[in-house]
């Protein structure tokens, strides 16, 4: 796919979204910076991503406020964070097949960019930003609620998953394992950093994670550690002192 979107492709994607987009605006929403770098510095989707991030946040916040009247501010904040996380929005992007359409440079294509959470999440937010510019808030709200709604509904049932780091810390305390520490390593240049994290309790690695930010990597490590603690065994096969 080059720097344009065929009419058939545009129709295919907008049918999935439920709203139309001007071809030029659609191309802009799909243009990753890696593609721009290889094509003379053409505009990227980063400004649309910035806008879409705010629109998604507003719609999700109001949705939770109206649908969850008995939740505290802290609980609502956790539900919102879980619902608009990079991983959650990337999964929504996958259901739309956005990876098929995003315009990527050769380097990103060669390293599986079409299925990277960071790229998929950013592209989804850019698409929402484009829909907002084209149609305004109310039609775009309908798209966001339809696409993010299932995640929002499941967020109320996630329990520990709303904040893995807090949950694993509480569970570790219950098991007498002390306070978790995170060992984080980053690779790559500053603008393309990738992080791996290990959650360690009393010298034992209980979970590992990775992502495009320290926060994402640590949350994934905490999620894995929570499950391992429930089973009573660290990822290196060592039983914890507080394991049942």
C-alpha atoms as a PDB file:
ATOM      1  CA  UNK A   1       0.000   0.000   0.000  1.00  0.00           C
ATOM      2  CA  UNK A   2       1.461   3.367  -0.965  1.00  0.00           C
ATOM      3  CA  UNK A   3       0.615   6.851   0.223  1.00  0.00           C
ATOM      4  CA  UNK A   4      -2.983   6.600  -0.871  1.00  0.00           C
ATOM      5  CA  UNK A   5      -6.011   4.555   0.011  1.00  0.00           C
ATOM      6  CA  UNK A   6      -8.061   2.987  -2.743  1.00  0.00           C
ATOM      7  CA  UNK A   7     -11.786   3.658  -2.827  1.00  0.00           C
ATOM      8  CA  UNK A   8     -12.486   0.011  -2.055  1.00  0.00           C
ATOM      9  CA  UNK A   9     -10.119   0.053   0.909  1.00  0.00           C
ATOM     10  CA  UNK A  10     -11.592   3.282   2.255  1.00  0.00           C
ATOM     11  CA  UNK A  11     -15.109   1.903   1.943  1.00  0.00           C
ATOM     12  CA  UNK A  12     -14.092  -1.314   3.663  1.00  0.00           C
ATOM     13  CA  UNK A  13     -12.632   0.511   6.639  1.00  0.00           C
ATOM     14  CA  UNK A  14     -15.317   3.165   6.989  1.00  0.00           C
ATOM     15  CA  UNK A  15     -17.979   0.447   6.833  1.00  0.00           C
ATOM     16  CA  UNK A  16     -16.331  -1.104   9.884  1.00  0.00           C
ATOM     17  CA  UNK A  17     -16.307   2.258  11.632  1.00  0.00           C
ATOM     18  CA  UNK A  18     -19.851   3.152  10.677  1.00  0.00           C
ATOM     19  CA  UNK A  19     -18.948   6.685   9.535  1.00  0.00           C
ATOM     20  CA  UNK A  20     -17.394   8.001   6.342  1.00  0.00           C
ATOM     21  CA  UNK A  21     -14.127   9.913   6.084  1.00  0.00           C
ATOM     22  CA  UNK A  22     -12.707  12.130   3.376  1.00  0.00           C
ATOM     23  CA  UNK A  23      -9.939  10.128   1.609  1.00  0.00           C
ATOM     24  CA  UNK A  24      -7.249  12.722   2.412  1.00  0.00           C
ATOM     25  CA  UNK A  25      -8.197  12.785   6.083  1.00  0.00           C
ATOM     26  CA  UNK A  26      -8.271   9.002   6.184  1.00  0.00           C
ATOM     27  CA  UNK A  27      -4.777   8.791   4.655  1.00  0.00           C
ATOM     28  CA  UNK A  28      -3.514  11.291   7.230  1.00  0.00           C
ATOM     29  CA  UNK A  29      -5.001   9.231  10.068  1.00  0.00           C
ATOM     30  CA  UNK A  30      -3.207   6.149   8.760  1.00  0.00           C
ATOM     31  CA  UNK A  31       0.207   7.741   8.154  1.00  0.00           C
ATOM     32  CA  UNK A  32       2.772   6.612  10.727  1.00  0.00           C
ATOM     33  CA  UNK A  33       5.888   8.723  11.231  1.00  0.00           C
ATOM     34  CA  UNK A  34       8.088   5.915   9.862  1.00  0.00           C
ATOM     35  CA  UNK A  35       6.272   6.199   6.524  1.00  0.00           C
ATOM     36  CA  UNK A  36       6.634   9.979   6.603  1.00  0.00           C
ATOM     37  CA  UNK A  37      10.394   9.740   7.141  1.00  0.00           C
ATOM     38  CA  UNK A  38      10.734   7.650   3.973  1.00  0.00           C
ATOM     39  CA  UNK A  39       8.481   9.881   1.883  1.00  0.00           C
ATOM     40  CA  UNK A  40       9.897  13.359   2.244  1.00  0.00           C
ATOM     41  CA  UNK A  41       8.470  14.236   5.641  1.00  0.00           C
ATOM     42  CA  UNK A  42       4.788  14.236   4.669  1.00  0.00           C
ATOM     43  CA  UNK A  43       2.331  14.983   7.520  1.00  0.00           C
ATOM     44  CA  UNK A  44       1.815  12.184  10.032  1.00  0.00           C
ATOM     45  CA  UNK A  45      -1.127  11.088  12.138  1.00  0.00           C
ATOM     46  CA  UNK A  46       0.423  12.323  15.401  1.00  0.00           C
ATOM     47  CA  UNK A  47      -1.708  15.482  15.692  1.00  0.00           C
ATOM     48  CA  UNK A  48      -4.867  13.475  15.005  1.00  0.00           C
ATOM     49  CA  UNK A  49      -3.717  10.947  17.590  1.00  0.00           C
ATOM     50  CA  UNK A  50      -3.368  13.774  20.128  1.00  0.00           C
ATOM     51  CA  UNK A  51      -6.918  14.910  19.399  1.00  0.00           C
ATOM     52  CA  UNK A  52      -8.370  11.406  19.343  1.00  0.00           C
ATOM     53  CA  UNK A  53      -6.792  10.542  22.679  1.00  0.00           C
ATOM     54  CA  UNK A  54      -8.716  13.414  24.264  1.00  0.00           C
ATOM     55  CA  UNK A  55     -11.982  12.499  22.543  1.00  0.00           C
ATOM     56  CA  UNK A  56     -11.734   8.863  23.638  1.00  0.00           C
ATOM     57  CA  UNK A  57     -10.902   9.969  27.171  1.00  0.00           C
ATOM     58  CA  UNK A  58     -13.901  12.309  27.337  1.00  0.00           C
ATOM     59  CA  UNK A  59     -16.374   9.789  25.948  1.00  0.00           C
ATOM     60  CA  UNK A  60     -15.129   7.000  28.195  1.00  0.00           C
ATOM     61  CA  UNK A  61     -15.118   9.213  31.287  1.00  0.00           C
ATOM     62  CA  UNK A  62     -18.697  10.359  30.734  1.00  0.00           C
ATOM     63  CA  UNK A  63     -19.814   6.820  29.886  1.00  0.00           C
ATOM     64  CA  UNK A  64     -18.409   5.498  33.161  1.00  0.00           C
ATOM     65  CA  UNK A  65     -19.804   8.409  35.152  1.00  0.00           C
ATOM     66  CA  UNK A  66     -23.324   7.780  33.845  1.00  0.00           C
ATOM     67  CA  UNK A  67     -23.254   3.968  33.814  1.00  0.00           C
ATOM     68  CA  UNK A  68     -21.458   3.400  37.129  1.00  0.00           C
ATOM     69  CA  UNK A  69     -23.253   5.701  39.614  1.00  0.00           C
ATOM     70  CA  UNK A  70     -22.147   3.734  42.662  1.00  0.00           C
ATOM     71  CA  UNK A  71     -18.420   3.718  41.885  1.00  0.00           C
ATOM     72  CA  UNK A  72     -15.992   5.998  43.702  1.00  0.00           C
ATOM     73  CA  UNK A  73     -13.741   8.435  41.860  1.00  0.00           C
ATOM     74  CA  UNK A  74     -10.793   6.109  42.422  1.00  0.00           C
ATOM     75  CA  UNK A  75     -12.657   3.102  41.024  1.00  0.00           C
ATOM     76  CA  UNK A  76     -13.790   5.100  37.993  1.00  0.00           C
ATOM     77  CA  UNK A  77     -10.221   6.225  37.366  1.00  0.00           C
ATOM     78  CA  UNK A  78      -8.977   2.631  37.442  1.00  0.00           C
ATOM     79  CA  UNK A  79     -11.756   1.494  35.096  1.00  0.00           C
ATOM     80  CA  UNK A  80     -10.955   4.313  32.672  1.00  0.00           C
ATOM     81  CA  UNK A  81      -7.238   3.518  32.770  1.00  0.00           C
ATOM     82  CA  UNK A  82      -7.905  -0.155  32.044  1.00  0.00           C
ATOM     83  CA  UNK A  83     -10.300   0.675  29.205  1.00  0.00           C
ATOM     84  CA  UNK A  84      -8.116   3.193  27.368  1.00  0.00           C
ATOM     85  CA  UNK A  85      -4.755   1.521  27.977  1.00  0.00           C
ATOM     86  CA  UNK A  86      -2.451   0.940  25.040  1.00  0.00           C
ATOM     87  CA  UNK A  87      -3.164  -2.779  25.142  1.00  0.00           C
ATOM     88  CA  UNK A  88      -6.963  -2.319  25.304  1.00  0.00           C
ATOM     89  CA  UNK A  89      -7.113   0.139  22.403  1.00  0.00           C
ATOM     90  CA  UNK A  90      -4.711  -1.993  20.358  1.00  0.00           C
ATOM     91  CA  UNK A  91      -7.096  -4.923  20.733  1.00  0.00           C
ATOM     92  CA  UNK A  92      -9.946  -2.774  19.447  1.00  0.00           C
ATOM     93  CA  UNK A  93      -7.756  -1.737  16.525  1.00  0.00           C
ATOM     94  CA  UNK A  94      -7.194  -5.421  15.773  1.00  0.00           C
ATOM     95  CA  UNK A  95     -10.940  -6.060  15.634  1.00  0.00           C
ATOM     96  CA  UNK A  96     -11.134  -3.305  13.015  1.00  0.00           C
ATOM     97  CA  UNK A  97      -8.176  -4.719  11.116  1.00  0.00           C
ATOM     98  CA  UNK A  98      -6.345  -1.372  11.286  1.00  0.00           C
ATOM     99  CA  UNK A  99      -3.013  -3.118  10.936  1.00  0.00           C
ATOM    100  CA  UNK A 100      -3.916  -3.927   7.332  1.00  0.00           C
ATOM    101  CA  UNK A 101      -4.310  -0.248   6.479  1.00  0.00           C
ATOM    102  CA  UNK A 102      -1.691   1.703   8.434  1.00  0.00           C
ATOM    103  CA  UNK A 103       1.036   3.270   6.295  1.00  0.00           C
ATOM    104  CA  UNK A 104       4.414   2.166   7.668  1.00  0.00           C
ATOM    105  CA  UNK A 105       8.039   2.573   6.685  1.00  0.00           C
ATOM    106  CA  UNK A 106      10.069  -0.423   5.563  1.00  0.00           C
ATOM    107  CA  UNK A 107      11.806  -0.701   8.920  1.00  0.00           C
ATOM    108  CA  UNK A 108       8.553  -0.962  10.866  1.00  0.00           C
ATOM    109  CA  UNK A 109       7.111  -3.377   8.327  1.00  0.00           C
ATOM    110  CA  UNK A 110      10.131  -5.646   8.695  1.00  0.00           C
ATOM    111  CA  UNK A 111       9.778  -5.755  12.488  1.00  0.00           C
ATOM    112  CA  UNK A 112       6.070  -6.586  12.618  1.00  0.00           C
ATOM    113  CA  UNK A 113       4.811  -3.034  12.943  1.00  0.00           C
ATOM    114  CA  UNK A 114       1.343  -3.926  11.717  1.00  0.00           C
ATOM    115  CA  UNK A 115       0.730  -5.808  14.966  1.00  0.00           C
ATOM    116  CA  UNK A 116       2.565  -3.605  17.481  1.00  0.00           C
ATOM    117  CA  UNK A 117       0.338  -2.427  20.321  1.00  0.00           C
ATOM    118  CA  UNK A 118       1.827   1.076  20.259  1.00  0.00           C
ATOM    119  CA  UNK A 119       1.209   1.591  16.532  1.00  0.00           C
ATOM    120  CA  UNK A 120      -2.274   0.080  16.602  1.00  0.00           C
ATOM    121  CA  UNK A 121      -3.306   2.140  19.621  1.00  0.00           C
ATOM    122  CA  UNK A 122      -1.977   5.366  18.096  1.00  0.00           C
ATOM    123  CA  UNK A 123      -3.689   4.653  14.769  1.00  0.00           C
ATOM    124  CA  UNK A 124      -7.011   3.975  16.478  1.00  0.00           C
ATOM    125  CA  UNK A 125      -6.785   7.282  18.340  1.00  0.00           C
ATOM    126  CA  UNK A 126      -5.885   9.081  15.100  1.00  0.00           C
ATOM    127  CA  UNK A 127      -8.933   7.579  13.381  1.00  0.00           C
ATOM    128  CA  UNK A 128     -11.146   8.783  16.232  1.00  0.00           C
ATOM    129  CA  UNK A 129      -9.574  12.234  15.945  1.00  0.00           C
ATOM    130  CA  UNK A 130     -10.350  12.248  12.232  1.00  0.00           C
ATOM    131  CA  UNK A 131     -13.958  11.186  12.851  1.00  0.00           C
ATOM    132  CA  UNK A 132     -14.331  13.992  15.381  1.00  0.00           C
ATOM    133  CA  UNK A 133     -13.064  16.572  12.884  1.00  0.00           C
ATOM    134  CA  UNK A 134     -15.351  15.244  10.169  1.00  0.00           C
ATOM    135  CA  UNK A 135     -18.539  14.598  12.125  1.00  0.00           C
ATOM    136  CA  UNK A 136     -18.342  16.299  15.517  1.00  0.00           C
ATOM    137  CA  UNK A 137     -18.712  14.821  18.978  1.00  0.00           C
ATOM    138  CA  UNK A 138     -22.062  13.060  18.982  1.00  0.00           C
ATOM    139  CA  UNK A 139     -21.591  10.784  15.946  1.00  0.00           C
ATOM    140  CA  UNK A 140     -18.035  10.055  17.093  1.00  0.00           C
ATOM    141  CA  UNK A 141     -19.298   9.303  20.595  1.00  0.00           C
ATOM    142  CA  UNK A 142     -21.496   6.599  19.087  1.00  0.00           C
ATOM    143  CA  UNK A 143     -18.491   4.977  17.389  1.00  0.00           C
ATOM    144  CA  UNK A 144     -16.339   5.113  20.529  1.00  0.00           C
ATOM    145  CA  UNK A 145     -19.088   3.711  22.760  1.00  0.00           C
ATOM    146  CA  UNK A 146     -19.788   0.904  20.293  1.00  0.00           C
ATOM    147  CA  UNK A 147     -16.129  -0.051  19.972  1.00  0.00           C
ATOM    148  CA  UNK A 148     -14.927   0.562  23.537  1.00  0.00           C
ATOM    149  CA  UNK A 149     -18.212  -0.415  25.212  1.00  0.00           C
ATOM    150  CA  UNK A 150     -17.414  -4.128  25.626  1.00  0.00           C
ATOM    151  CA  UNK A 151     -14.091  -3.233  27.268  1.00  0.00           C
ATOM    152  CA  UNK A 152     -15.853  -0.758  29.556  1.00  0.00           C
ATOM    153  CA  UNK A 153     -18.390  -3.336  30.604  1.00  0.00           C
ATOM    154  CA  UNK A 154     -15.732  -5.939  31.332  1.00  0.00           C
ATOM    155  CA  UNK A 155     -13.675  -3.376  33.290  1.00  0.00           C
ATOM    156  CA  UNK A 156     -16.246  -3.472  36.063  1.00  0.00           C
ATOM    157  CA  UNK A 157     -15.548  -7.213  36.400  1.00  0.00           C
ATOM    158  CA  UNK A 158     -11.753  -7.068  36.146  1.00  0.00           C
ATOM    159  CA  UNK A 159     -11.102  -6.662  39.857  1.00  0.00           C
ATOM    160  CA  UNK A 160      -7.338  -6.977  40.305  1.00  0.00           C
ATOM    161  CA  UNK A 161      -6.776  -6.277  36.626  1.00  0.00           C
ATOM    162  CA  UNK A 162      -7.782  -2.648  37.043  1.00  0.00           C
ATOM    163  CA  UNK A 163      -4.443  -2.022  38.743  1.00  0.00           C
ATOM    164  CA  UNK A 164      -2.123  -5.022  38.718  1.00  0.00           C
ATOM    165  CA  UNK A 165       0.700  -3.260  40.560  1.00  0.00           C
ATOM    166  CA  UNK A 166      -1.451  -2.381  43.548  1.00  0.00           C
ATOM    167  CA  UNK A 167      -3.128  -5.786  43.545  1.00  0.00           C
ATOM    168  CA  UNK A 168       0.117  -7.754  43.442  1.00  0.00           C
ATOM    169  CA  UNK A 169       1.569  -5.588  46.210  1.00  0.00           C
ATOM    170  CA  UNK A 170      -1.454  -6.339  48.414  1.00  0.00           C
ATOM    171  CA  UNK A 171      -1.265 -10.064  47.637  1.00  0.00           C
ATOM    172  CA  UNK A 172       2.481 -10.175  48.316  1.00  0.00           C
ATOM    173  CA  UNK A 173       1.894  -8.531  51.692  1.00  0.00           C
ATOM    174  CA  UNK A 174      -0.753 -11.120  52.512  1.00  0.00           C
ATOM    175  CA  UNK A 175       1.743 -13.879  51.679  1.00  0.00           C
ATOM    176  CA  UNK A 176       4.505 -12.271  53.752  1.00  0.00           C
ATOM    177  CA  UNK A 177       6.759 -11.755  50.723  1.00  0.00           C
ATOM    178  CA  UNK A 178       7.559  -8.094  51.263  1.00  0.00           C
ATOM    179  CA  UNK A 179       7.339  -5.238  48.764  1.00  0.00           C
ATOM    180  CA  UNK A 180       7.742  -5.974  45.023  1.00  0.00           C
ATOM    181  CA  UNK A 181      10.663  -4.430  43.185  1.00  0.00           C
ATOM    182  CA  UNK A 182      10.821  -3.933  39.421  1.00  0.00           C
ATOM    183  CA  UNK A 183      13.981  -4.454  37.407  1.00  0.00           C
ATOM    184  CA  UNK A 184      13.498  -2.560  34.142  1.00  0.00           C
ATOM    185  CA  UNK A 185      15.769  -2.487  31.086  1.00  0.00           C
ATOM    186  CA  UNK A 186      15.309  -0.314  28.001  1.00  0.00           C
ATOM    187  CA  UNK A 187      16.638  -0.788  24.489  1.00  0.00           C
ATOM    188  CA  UNK A 188      16.609   1.262  21.296  1.00  0.00           C
ATOM    189  CA  UNK A 189      16.955   4.989  20.567  1.00  0.00           C
ATOM    190  CA  UNK A 190      15.158   7.585  22.674  1.00  0.00           C
ATOM    191  CA  UNK A 191      12.262   7.976  20.227  1.00  0.00           C
ATOM    192  CA  UNK A 192      11.731   4.203  19.881  1.00  0.00           C
ATOM    193  CA  UNK A 193      12.512   2.847  23.357  1.00  0.00           C
ATOM    194  CA  UNK A 194      11.311  -0.646  24.269  1.00  0.00           C
ATOM    195  CA  UNK A 195      11.275  -1.873  27.847  1.00  0.00           C
ATOM    196  CA  UNK A 196      11.355  -5.219  29.625  1.00  0.00           C
ATOM    197  CA  UNK A 197      10.516  -5.579  33.306  1.00  0.00           C
ATOM    198  CA  UNK A 198      10.864  -8.254  35.975  1.00  0.00           C
ATOM    199  CA  UNK A 199       8.925  -8.227  39.244  1.00  0.00           C
ATOM    200  CA  UNK A 200      11.088  -9.559  42.041  1.00  0.00           C
ATOM    201  CA  UNK A 201      10.003 -10.601  45.552  1.00  0.00           C
ATOM    202  CA  UNK A 202      12.582 -11.736  48.073  1.00  0.00           C
ATOM    203  CA  UNK A 203      15.082 -12.527  45.300  1.00  0.00           C
ATOM    204  CA  UNK A 204      12.578 -14.502  43.204  1.00  0.00           C
ATOM    205  CA  UNK A 205      11.302 -13.338  39.797  1.00  0.00           C
ATOM    206  CA  UNK A 206       7.522 -13.737  39.853  1.00  0.00           C
ATOM    207  CA  UNK A 207       6.608 -12.111  36.548  1.00  0.00           C
ATOM    208  CA  UNK A 208       7.996 -10.479  33.420  1.00  0.00           C
ATOM    209  CA  UNK A 209       6.555  -7.947  31.008  1.00  0.00           C
ATOM    210  CA  UNK A 210       7.456  -5.758  28.053  1.00  0.00           C
ATOM    211  CA  UNK A 211       6.172  -2.688  26.281  1.00  0.00           C
ATOM    212  CA  UNK A 212       6.877   0.714  24.803  1.00  0.00           C
ATOM    213  CA  UNK A 213       6.956   2.379  28.231  1.00  0.00           C
ATOM    214  CA  UNK A 214       8.184   1.415  31.686  1.00  0.00           C
ATOM    215  CA  UNK A 215       4.610   1.642  32.966  1.00  0.00           C
ATOM    216  CA  UNK A 216       3.304  -0.863  30.421  1.00  0.00           C
ATOM    217  CA  UNK A 217       6.169  -3.288  31.035  1.00  0.00           C
ATOM    218  CA  UNK A 218       5.732  -3.084  34.808  1.00  0.00           C
ATOM    219  CA  UNK A 219       1.960  -3.590  34.608  1.00  0.00           C
ATOM    220  CA  UNK A 220       2.459  -6.684  32.452  1.00  0.00           C
ATOM    221  CA  UNK A 221       5.053  -8.011  34.899  1.00  0.00           C
ATOM    222  CA  UNK A 222       2.651  -7.349  37.770  1.00  0.00           C
ATOM    223  CA  UNK A 223      -0.161  -9.161  35.936  1.00  0.00           C
ATOM    224  CA  UNK A 224       2.038 -12.214  35.382  1.00  0.00           C
ATOM    225  CA  UNK A 225       3.280 -12.077  38.982  1.00  0.00           C
ATOM    226  CA  UNK A 226      -0.253 -11.902  40.357  1.00  0.00           C
ATOM    227  CA  UNK A 227      -1.160 -15.097  38.525  1.00  0.00           C
ATOM    228  CA  UNK A 228       2.086 -16.771  39.636  1.00  0.00           C
ATOM    229  CA  UNK A 229       1.470 -15.784  43.253  1.00  0.00           C
ATOM    230  CA  UNK A 230      -1.984 -17.299  43.062  1.00  0.00           C
ATOM    231  CA  UNK A 231      -0.350 -20.528  41.923  1.00  0.00           C
ATOM    232  CA  UNK A 232       2.481 -20.210  44.454  1.00  0.00           C
ATOM    233  CA  UNK A 233       5.460 -20.405  42.104  1.00  0.00           C
ATOM    234  CA  UNK A 234       7.856 -17.823  40.666  1.00  0.00           C
ATOM    235  CA  UNK A 235       8.724 -17.747  36.981  1.00  0.00           C
ATOM    236  CA  UNK A 236      12.148 -19.203  37.740  1.00  0.00           C
ATOM    237  CA  UNK A 237      10.453 -22.228  39.298  1.00  0.00           C
ATOM    238  CA  UNK A 238      11.265 -21.242  42.879  1.00  0.00           C
ATOM    239  CA  UNK A 239       8.519 -21.576  45.456  1.00  0.00           C
ATOM    240  CA  UNK A 240       7.923 -18.390  47.446  1.00  0.00           C
ATOM    241  CA  UNK A 241       8.073 -18.466  51.204  1.00  0.00           C
ATOM    242  CA  UNK A 242       4.463 -17.417  51.463  1.00  0.00           C
ATOM    243  CA  UNK A 243       3.178 -19.796  48.792  1.00  0.00           C
ATOM    244  CA  UNK A 244       0.488 -22.174  49.909  1.00  0.00           C
END
